Structures are given as structure tokens and as C-alpha cells.
């Protein structure tokens, strides 16, 4: 089942998000189908769509955690807050043709 994560990182600047991406490198992330990043009145949000929750959990543990530690220090001032959503229905726009 597809899974969506809506994350609030422990920082508010898009530049810090870019530094985390640089730490992650160019390697393709297994199971990641889409990523959207933007700001709200409350700060930065990262919305990701995963093939399964297990893919997301593996990425958060094995890759994101170490990347955050390199950018923010070994004990960052907070952890990302993550709202998880099991996808029950989806819509994808189809090309007209």
C-alpha cells in the first residue's frame, strides 16, 4: 500500500533542506515516488509519496538520520515531526491525447 509522509523538519530554511539533500547524494531512493517541499506559516514541510511505509521507514533510519546528523550535528535540536497517511484512494492526471 502506498504511504504518504508529511514532515516538519527541525529547521525552517529551505537552504538547510538543500544541505540535507546534498548529504544524501544523487543515489536514487528506493521506493520514493514523489517529493514536494514548501513553506507554510509554521515553517517548512516535506511531503513524500512512498511505494510502501517500509520503504519510508528504511530511508528515514538508514539515510535521512545520518544526513541530518551531518548537517545539524550529532544531536540536532529536535527531530522531524512526521504525519503518516496510508493511501486509500489516489488520482493521477492522465495526458490528453
Protein backbone atom coordinates (compact mmCIF):
# COMPACT_ATOMS: atom_id res chain seq x y z
CA UNK A 1 0.00 0.00 0.00
CA UNK A 2 1.33 3.45 -0.88
CA UNK A 3 2.20 5.70 2.02
CA UNK A 4 2.47 9.49 2.34
CA UNK A 5 4.68 11.27 4.85
CA UNK A 6 4.13 14.92 5.71
CA UNK A 7 7.23 16.00 7.62
CA UNK A 8 8.09 19.14 9.53
CA UNK A 9 11.90 19.19 9.70
CA UNK A 10 13.77 20.51 12.76
CA UNK A 11 14.74 23.62 10.75
CA UNK A 12 12.84 26.26 8.79
CA UNK A 13 15.17 27.30 5.96
CA UNK A 14 14.99 25.76 2.51
CA UNK A 15 18.78 26.17 2.34
CA UNK A 16 19.16 23.68 5.19
CA UNK A 17 16.90 21.27 3.30
CA UNK A 18 19.21 21.67 0.30
CA UNK A 19 22.22 20.86 2.51
CA UNK A 20 20.50 17.66 3.68
CA UNK A 21 19.82 16.71 0.02
CA UNK A 22 23.50 17.33 -0.77
CA UNK A 23 24.44 14.93 2.05
CA UNK A 24 22.05 12.30 0.68
CA UNK A 25 23.74 12.50 -2.72
CA UNK A 26 22.44 11.63 -6.15
CA UNK A 27 21.72 7.96 -5.40
CA UNK A 28 18.13 7.03 -6.19
CA UNK A 29 15.99 6.45 -3.12
CA UNK A 30 14.29 3.07 -3.29
CA UNK A 31 10.52 3.32 -3.01
CA UNK A 32 10.34 7.13 -3.24
CA UNK A 33 7.77 8.05 -5.86
CA UNK A 34 7.49 11.83 -5.36
CA UNK A 35 8.75 14.63 -3.11
CA UNK A 36 7.34 18.14 -2.66
CA UNK A 37 8.86 20.83 -0.44
CA UNK A 38 7.35 24.16 0.51
CA UNK A 39 6.79 26.62 3.28
CA UNK A 40 3.78 27.36 5.43
CA UNK A 41 3.15 29.98 8.09
CA UNK A 42 4.52 27.39 10.56
CA UNK A 43 7.70 26.58 8.63
CA UNK A 44 8.98 24.09 6.10
CA UNK A 45 7.03 20.98 5.05
CA UNK A 46 8.26 17.98 3.09
CA UNK A 47 5.61 15.76 1.52
CA UNK A 48 6.75 12.41 0.14
CA UNK A 49 4.93 9.56 -1.57
CA UNK A 50 6.35 6.09 -0.99
CA UNK A 51 5.67 2.70 -2.55
CA UNK A 52 5.26 1.33 0.99
CA UNK A 53 5.68 2.53 4.58
CA UNK A 54 8.54 0.06 4.93
CA UNK A 55 10.49 1.89 2.19
CA UNK A 56 9.99 5.17 4.05
CA UNK A 57 10.98 3.70 7.41
CA UNK A 58 14.17 2.23 5.92
CA UNK A 59 15.09 5.57 4.30
CA UNK A 60 14.40 7.56 7.49
CA UNK A 61 16.56 5.21 9.57
CA UNK A 62 19.41 4.33 7.22
CA UNK A 63 19.86 7.51 5.17
CA UNK A 64 17.96 10.53 6.46
CA UNK A 65 19.01 10.21 10.12
CA UNK A 66 22.75 10.16 9.30
CA UNK A 67 22.35 13.02 6.78
CA UNK A 68 20.54 15.17 9.35
CA UNK A 69 23.26 14.44 11.91
CA UNK A 70 25.96 15.59 9.45
CA UNK A 71 24.13 18.82 8.63
CA UNK A 72 22.71 19.68 12.06
CA UNK A 73 25.21 17.98 14.35
CA UNK A 74 25.06 14.63 16.15
CA UNK A 75 22.31 15.83 18.49
CA UNK A 76 20.05 18.15 16.50
CA UNK A 77 17.70 20.50 18.34
CA UNK A 78 14.69 18.34 17.57
CA UNK A 79 13.53 15.53 15.36
CA UNK A 80 11.39 15.80 12.27
CA UNK A 81 7.70 15.53 13.06
CA UNK A 82 6.07 13.10 10.64
CA UNK A 83 2.40 12.58 9.89
CA UNK A 84 1.90 9.26 8.07
CA UNK A 85 -1.02 8.55 5.77
CA UNK A 86 -1.98 5.17 4.28
CA UNK A 87 -3.19 5.91 0.76
CA UNK A 88 -6.75 4.62 0.36
CA UNK A 89 -7.58 6.36 -2.95
CA UNK A 90 -5.44 8.18 -5.48
CA UNK A 91 -5.83 10.29 -8.57
CA UNK A 92 -3.21 10.84 -11.24
CA UNK A 93 -3.88 13.18 -14.13
CA UNK A 94 -3.63 11.32 -17.44
CA UNK A 95 -2.30 13.00 -20.58
CA UNK A 96 -4.91 14.01 -23.10
CA UNK A 97 -4.15 12.64 -26.42
